[in-house]
Amino acid sequence: MLDKEEIRSAIDGAILEVVKASGAAKKSTSESLFVEPQMQLDKDFGLDSLDIMELVNALENRFDIEVSDDIFDTVKTVGELYKYVSITLAQKS
């Protein structure tokens, strides 16, 4: 099982990949591309619904988990996403 830092690193990487691939970095209010737990996926990274779908796909592939379609109705920040993935992986074990 992955430890907390490995999970965070993988999620951060997935977020940055989606941001770079989508061009959301240009829309982002953040000056440089970095990830902090308090950052909001839509406001700080400029992710739209299609970008969120790409992020879900990346997380499902990376962690071999199923992410609920409506999870981002409640998960708004990177920290909440860390927690969600950690709990989902723990339940899978």
N, C-alpha and C. Protein backbone atom coordinates (compact mmCIF):
# COMPACT_ATOMS: atom_id res chain seq x y z
N MET A 1 0.84 -1.19 0.00
CA MET A 1 0.00 0.00 0.00
C MET A 1 0.88 1.24 0.00
N LEU A 2 0.42 2.26 -0.67
CA LEU A 2 1.15 3.52 -0.75
C LEU A 2 1.07 4.28 0.57
N ASP A 3 2.16 4.96 0.91
CA ASP A 3 2.10 5.79 2.11
C ASP A 3 1.52 7.17 1.76
N LYS A 4 1.31 7.95 2.78
CA LYS A 4 0.65 9.26 2.65
C LYS A 4 1.37 10.17 1.64
N GLU A 5 2.69 10.22 1.70
CA GLU A 5 3.45 11.08 0.80
C GLU A 5 3.39 10.60 -0.65
N GLU A 6 3.39 9.29 -0.86
CA GLU A 6 3.28 8.75 -2.22
C GLU A 6 1.91 9.08 -2.82
N ILE A 7 0.88 9.00 -2.00
CA ILE A 7 -0.47 9.34 -2.46
C ILE A 7 -0.52 10.81 -2.84
N ARG A 8 -0.01 11.67 -1.96
CA ARG A 8 -0.03 13.11 -2.24
C ARG A 8 0.76 13.45 -3.49
N SER A 9 1.93 12.85 -3.63
CA SER A 9 2.77 13.11 -4.79
C SER A 9 2.07 12.69 -6.09
N ALA A 10 1.43 11.53 -6.07
CA ALA A 10 0.73 11.05 -7.26
C ALA A 10 -0.46 11.94 -7.60
N ILE A 11 -1.20 12.39 -6.59
CA ILE A 11 -2.34 13.29 -6.83
C ILE A 11 -1.85 14.63 -7.36
N ASP A 12 -0.80 15.17 -6.73
CA ASP A 12 -0.23 16.44 -7.21
C ASP A 12 0.18 16.32 -8.67
N GLY A 13 0.84 15.22 -9.01
CA GLY A 13 1.27 15.00 -10.38
C GLY A 13 0.11 14.93 -11.35
N ALA A 14 -0.95 14.23 -10.94
CA ALA A 14 -2.14 14.11 -11.79
C ALA A 14 -2.79 15.47 -12.01
N ILE A 15 -2.89 16.26 -10.96
CA ILE A 15 -3.47 17.60 -11.08
C ILE A 15 -2.65 18.44 -12.05
N LEU A 16 -1.35 18.46 -11.87
CA LEU A 16 -0.49 19.28 -12.72
C LEU A 16 -0.51 18.81 -14.18
N GLU A 17 -0.59 17.50 -14.40
CA GLU A 17 -0.69 16.98 -15.77
C GLU A 17 -1.96 17.48 -16.44
N VAL A 18 -3.08 17.41 -15.72
CA VAL A 18 -4.36 17.85 -16.27
C VAL A 18 -4.33 19.35 -16.54
N VAL A 19 -3.78 20.10 -15.61
CA VAL A 19 -3.70 21.56 -15.78
C VAL A 19 -2.87 21.91 -17.01
N LYS A 20 -1.72 21.29 -17.14
CA LYS A 20 -0.85 21.57 -18.28
C LYS A 20 -1.47 21.14 -19.60
N ALA A 21 -2.06 19.95 -19.62
CA ALA A 21 -2.64 19.41 -20.86
C ALA A 21 -3.86 20.21 -21.32
N SER A 22 -4.60 20.74 -20.37
CA SER A 22 -5.85 21.43 -20.72
C SER A 22 -5.67 22.90 -21.07
N GLY A 23 -4.52 23.42 -20.73
CA GLY A 23 -4.34 24.85 -20.90
C GLY A 23 -4.94 25.64 -19.76
N ALA A 24 -5.43 24.95 -18.74
CA ALA A 24 -6.04 25.61 -17.59
C ALA A 24 -5.02 26.48 -16.87
N ALA A 25 -3.74 26.17 -17.05
CA ALA A 25 -2.70 26.96 -16.38
C ALA A 25 -2.80 28.43 -16.79
N LYS A 26 -3.20 28.67 -18.02
CA LYS A 26 -3.35 30.05 -18.50
C LYS A 26 -4.53 30.75 -17.84
N LYS A 27 -5.55 29.96 -17.47
CA LYS A 27 -6.74 30.52 -16.82
C LYS A 27 -6.57 30.58 -15.32
N SER A 28 -5.58 29.88 -14.81
CA SER A 28 -5.40 29.75 -13.37
C SER A 28 -5.06 31.08 -12.73
N THR A 29 -5.57 31.28 -11.52
CA THR A 29 -5.23 32.49 -10.78
C THR A 29 -3.88 32.35 -10.09
N SER A 30 -3.34 31.16 -10.12
CA SER A 30 -2.05 30.91 -9.50
C SER A 30 -0.93 31.35 -10.43
N GLU A 31 0.06 32.05 -9.92
CA GLU A 31 1.16 32.55 -10.73
C GLU A 31 2.06 31.45 -11.25
N SER A 32 2.33 30.45 -10.44
CA SER A 32 3.17 29.34 -10.87
C SER A 32 2.46 28.04 -10.55
N LEU A 33 2.90 26.97 -11.19
CA LEU A 33 2.24 25.70 -11.01
C LEU A 33 2.84 24.96 -9.81
N PHE A 34 2.12 24.95 -8.74
CA PHE A 34 2.46 24.20 -7.54
C PHE A 34 1.14 23.79 -6.90
N VAL A 35 1.23 22.85 -5.98
CA VAL A 35 0.02 22.31 -5.37
C VAL A 35 0.13 22.41 -3.86
N GLU A 36 -0.90 22.95 -3.24
CA GLU A 36 -1.01 23.05 -1.78
C GLU A 36 -2.37 22.49 -1.37
N PRO A 37 -2.45 21.86 -0.19
CA PRO A 37 -3.71 21.23 0.24
C PRO A 37 -4.92 22.16 0.25
N GLN A 38 -4.74 23.43 0.55
CA GLN A 38 -5.87 24.36 0.65
C GLN A 38 -6.34 24.89 -0.71
N MET A 39 -5.61 24.57 -1.77
CA MET A 39 -5.96 25.10 -3.09
C MET A 39 -7.24 24.45 -3.62
N GLN A 40 -8.08 25.29 -4.24
CA GLN A 40 -9.34 24.82 -4.81
C GLN A 40 -9.11 24.40 -6.26
N LEU A 41 -9.68 23.24 -6.61
CA LEU A 41 -9.45 22.67 -7.93
C LEU A 41 -9.98 23.56 -9.05
N ASP A 42 -11.13 24.16 -8.84
CA ASP A 42 -11.69 25.00 -9.90
C ASP A 42 -11.10 26.41 -9.88
N LYS A 43 -11.08 27.05 -8.74
CA LYS A 43 -10.65 28.44 -8.67
C LYS A 43 -9.14 28.62 -8.81
N ASP A 44 -8.36 27.81 -8.12
CA ASP A 44 -6.91 27.98 -8.14
C ASP A 44 -6.24 27.37 -9.37
N PHE A 45 -6.84 26.32 -9.93
CA PHE A 45 -6.24 25.67 -11.09
C PHE A 45 -7.02 25.93 -12.38
N GLY A 46 -8.20 26.50 -12.27
CA GLY A 46 -8.99 26.80 -13.46
C GLY A 46 -9.57 25.56 -14.13
N LEU A 47 -9.77 24.49 -13.37
CA LEU A 47 -10.28 23.25 -13.96
C LEU A 47 -11.79 23.36 -14.21
N ASP A 48 -12.20 23.00 -15.42
CA ASP A 48 -13.63 22.96 -15.74
C ASP A 48 -14.11 21.52 -15.65
N SER A 49 -15.34 21.26 -16.01
CA SER A 49 -15.92 19.92 -15.84
C SER A 49 -15.19 18.87 -16.67
N LEU A 50 -14.74 19.22 -17.86
CA LEU A 50 -13.99 18.27 -18.69
C LEU A 50 -12.63 17.96 -18.05
N ASP A 51 -11.98 18.99 -17.51
CA ASP A 51 -10.71 18.78 -16.82
C ASP A 51 -10.88 17.88 -15.60
N ILE A 52 -11.98 18.07 -14.88
CA ILE A 52 -12.27 17.24 -13.72
C ILE A 52 -12.45 15.78 -14.14
N MET A 53 -13.12 15.55 -15.27
CA MET A 53 -13.28 14.19 -15.79
C MET A 53 -11.92 13.58 -16.11
N GLU A 54 -11.03 14.37 -16.68
CA GLU A 54 -9.66 13.90 -16.97
C GLU A 54 -8.92 13.56 -15.68
N LEU A 55 -9.10 14.38 -14.67
CA LEU A 55 -8.47 14.13 -13.37
C LEU A 55 -9.02 12.84 -12.75
N VAL A 56 -10.32 12.65 -12.81
CA VAL A 56 -10.94 11.42 -12.30
C VAL A 56 -10.33 10.21 -13.01
N ASN A 57 -10.22 10.28 -14.33
CA ASN A 57 -9.66 9.18 -15.11
C ASN A 57 -8.22 8.92 -14.69
N ALA A 58 -7.44 9.96 -14.52
CA ALA A 58 -6.04 9.81 -14.11
C ALA A 58 -5.94 9.16 -12.73
N LEU A 59 -6.80 9.58 -11.80
CA LEU A 59 -6.77 9.01 -10.45
C LEU A 59 -7.21 7.54 -10.46
N GLU A 60 -8.24 7.24 -11.22
CA GLU A 60 -8.70 5.85 -11.31
C GLU A 60 -7.61 4.95 -11.87
N ASN A 61 -6.92 5.41 -12.90
CA ASN A 61 -5.86 4.62 -13.50
C ASN A 61 -4.65 4.49 -12.58
N ARG A 62 -4.26 5.58 -11.95
CA ARG A 62 -3.07 5.57 -11.09
C ARG A 62 -3.26 4.71 -9.85
N PHE A 63 -4.42 4.79 -9.23
CA PHE A 63 -4.64 4.10 -7.96
C PHE A 63 -5.49 2.83 -8.10
N ASP A 64 -5.96 2.54 -9.31
CA ASP A 64 -6.81 1.38 -9.54
C ASP A 64 -8.02 1.40 -8.59
N ILE A 65 -8.70 2.55 -8.60
CA ILE A 65 -9.90 2.74 -7.79
C ILE A 65 -11.01 3.25 -8.68
N GLU A 66 -12.22 3.22 -8.16
CA GLU A 66 -13.35 3.83 -8.85
C GLU A 66 -13.73 5.10 -8.11
N VAL A 67 -13.76 6.19 -8.85
CA VAL A 67 -14.10 7.49 -8.27
C VAL A 67 -15.53 7.82 -8.66
N SER A 68 -16.34 8.12 -7.68
CA SER A 68 -17.74 8.45 -7.91
C SER A 68 -17.86 9.66 -8.84
N ASP A 69 -18.85 9.61 -9.73
CA ASP A 69 -19.06 10.70 -10.68
C ASP A 69 -19.35 12.04 -9.99
N ASP A 70 -19.98 11.98 -8.83
CA ASP A 70 -20.37 13.21 -8.17
C ASP A 70 -19.45 13.61 -7.03
N ILE A 71 -18.28 13.00 -6.94
CA ILE A 71 -17.39 13.29 -5.82
C ILE A 71 -16.98 14.76 -5.76
N PHE A 72 -16.85 15.39 -6.91
CA PHE A 72 -16.40 16.77 -6.90
C PHE A 72 -17.52 17.77 -6.57
N ASP A 73 -18.70 17.23 -6.25
CA ASP A 73 -19.74 18.08 -5.67
C ASP A 73 -19.37 18.42 -4.23
N THR A 74 -18.62 17.52 -3.59
CA THR A 74 -18.22 17.74 -2.19
C THR A 74 -16.72 17.97 -2.03
N VAL A 75 -15.91 17.38 -2.90
CA VAL A 75 -14.46 17.55 -2.82
C VAL A 75 -14.09 18.78 -3.65
N LYS A 76 -13.65 19.83 -2.97
CA LYS A 76 -13.35 21.09 -3.64
C LYS A 76 -11.86 21.46 -3.60
N THR A 77 -11.15 20.96 -2.57
CA THR A 77 -9.75 21.33 -2.41
C THR A 77 -8.84 20.12 -2.62
N VAL A 78 -7.57 20.40 -2.82
CA VAL A 78 -6.58 19.35 -2.97
C VAL A 78 -6.53 18.50 -1.70
N GLY A 79 -6.58 19.12 -0.54
CA GLY A 79 -6.55 18.40 0.73
C GLY A 79 -7.72 17.44 0.87
N GLU A 80 -8.89 17.87 0.44
CA GLU A 80 -10.06 16.98 0.47
C GLU A 80 -9.88 15.81 -0.50
N LEU A 81 -9.21 16.07 -1.62
CA LEU A 81 -8.94 15.01 -2.58
C LEU A 81 -7.94 14.01 -2.00
N TYR A 82 -6.91 14.49 -1.30
CA TYR A 82 -5.97 13.59 -0.62
C TYR A 82 -6.74 12.65 0.31
N LYS A 83 -7.62 13.23 1.11
CA LYS A 83 -8.38 12.46 2.09
C LYS A 83 -9.28 11.44 1.41
N TYR A 84 -9.99 11.87 0.37
CA TYR A 84 -10.89 10.98 -0.36
C TYR A 84 -10.14 9.78 -0.92
N VAL A 85 -9.02 10.03 -1.59
CA VAL A 85 -8.25 8.93 -2.19
C VAL A 85 -7.69 8.02 -1.10
N SER A 86 -7.18 8.59 -0.03
CA SER A 86 -6.64 7.78 1.07
C SER A 86 -7.70 6.86 1.67
N ILE A 87 -8.89 7.39 1.90
CA ILE A 87 -9.98 6.59 2.46
C ILE A 87 -10.41 5.51 1.48
N THR A 88 -10.51 5.86 0.20
CA THR A 88 -10.91 4.89 -0.82
C THR A 88 -9.89 3.76 -0.92
N LEU A 89 -8.60 4.10 -0.87
CA LEU A 89 -7.57 3.06 -0.91
C LEU A 89 -7.61 2.18 0.33
N ALA A 90 -7.86 2.77 1.49
CA ALA A 90 -7.94 2.00 2.73
C ALA A 90 -9.12 1.03 2.70
N GLN A 91 -10.23 1.45 2.13
CA GLN A 91 -11.41 0.58 2.04
C GLN A 91 -11.18 -0.55 1.05
N LYS A 92 -10.34 -0.30 0.06
CA LYS A 92 -10.04 -1.28 -0.97
C LYS A 92 -9.18 -2.42 -0.42
N SER A 93 -8.35 -2.11 0.57
CA SER A 93 -7.40 -3.10 1.12
C SER A 93 -8.09 -4.18 1.91
